[in-house]
Amino acid sequence: MDPGSKGWLKEYLEFRQELLQDLTSQGRTFSHPDHSLYRVIQPTGLMYGQPMNTFDHPDSSDWDEKDRMKILLAESLISSSLLFHDKPVKSPDEMSEVTMKTLESITNFYNHVFPELATPTKTLFGRKKTSLELAERILEKRIEHTYNNKGNFWTQFFHNSLLFLDIFIFGQWIHTNADKIVSDFFKYEREELRTSLVKIMAAAAHANHILEFEERKLMEYFLQSANLPPDKKKECQDIFEKGISIEEINLPTNNSWILKKYFLEMAILTIWADKKVEALEMEFLRRLADTISFSEDDLDNSMVAIEGFVLEHWEDLGHLQDKKDYKAVTAQYMERMSKITDKHKGRLLQEVRNSEVLVSLLVQARSQELTDLEKERVRVLLIEVLKSIPTFVIISLPQRFLTLPILMQILPKNFIVETLSS
């Protein structure tokens, strides 16, 4: 499959049909579909403008970053629709019908809320285009309009992470009737959310009372890509120069959980623009979390999610390496993970004891060296045990980073001894 050729969307949907069908029931296994959507989107890097190669398509190694971003946007929009679908899809025919309706919704959404991307519904010869053709073309135009390929993590972060707001607004759009009043509301919301995001980033950049060079460059990148009207752009520039308090920002205190999560994680990454998170900046993040009705644990979970994503894809995020030290990120991540596992020690002990295979391998390891295959089996089973912790139902764990030695370090002290002593 070539995402640069016509027909790519049809091929990809056929390839992903089984996974997409599973999403219609997955939303009901979480306390809220927002959590499911975060679980689907966050590991891909789309929220951070970094399309990681998390695809299992046989041709995915040949796709460039622009191709991956296009595929991720398509999959995320469709996933959003399916996760909020009111009932499970039981057959391939029903799945096809639901998908076609979703593609129609995607086209209508962009034609109404992003008029700059409006796409004719007929060819030059008067033939009506199919839902697949229209959706494919409009997704291509959206990526062309947004994508920035300057090879810099932070440029891409601020140019491409705005695509998440498309997904959030689309999740609301599909439950409405697309008349002019509704379209005007969503165009207004699109502008307001981008403006609120600029304000959050400005407040984060001023958290330590010093406007760093890196943070100033970040704002330049963002304002270039946000496509705000001239008056809003001038307002945002002034706010960024002078700073703004959390209390002055119109934050989504009673709004979607995933939108609040996005704003918080964008603030964290803005603070990451220079090499360290200072005490004043950490205090700012705590106040921001509290303002949007998130707990200290919610903030820790977002830090864990971002650190885990960065560590998992460290080699792919070359330009981020100039800003963050691998050892420092590793230490921070392992400290947070240890705190979480200590808190849920009892649950973890029970989960290990429930796994006869894992217990058998751990017993064997006390008397003899395990083979490489056995060590890998222990690693995989321990990661499955960690997934029993509520935090990791929502947050994806960095599979490649979590080697067996690292797992042994983040598990509670004397954990294996206690497991085998019962």
Foldseek 3Di string as FASTA:
>chain_A
DDLVDPPPVVVVCVVCVVVLLVLLCVLVVDPGLLLVLLLVQLLCCQLQLFGDQPDPDPCSVVDDRLSSLLVSLLVSLSSLQSSPDPHRDDDSVSSVVSSQVSLVLQLLLCVLQVVVLNDDQADPVGHGDGSSRSSSSSSNVVSVLQADPPPASLLSRQSRSLSVVVSVLSSVSVVDDDDNVVSVVSNVVLQLLLLLLLLLLLQLCCLVPDNDPLLVVSSVSNLVRSPHPPVSSVVSVVCSVVPDAPVVGPDPLPDDPNSLLSSLLSSVVSNLSAADQDPSSVVSSCVSCVSSVHHPVSSLLSLLQVLQSCLLCVVVNPNSCVHYPNVVSLVSNLVSLLVQQVVVLVQLLVLQLVDPLLLVLLVVVVPDPDDPVSQVVNQVSSVVSVCVRPSNVSGPGSSVSSHSVSSVSSHHPCSSVVSNVD
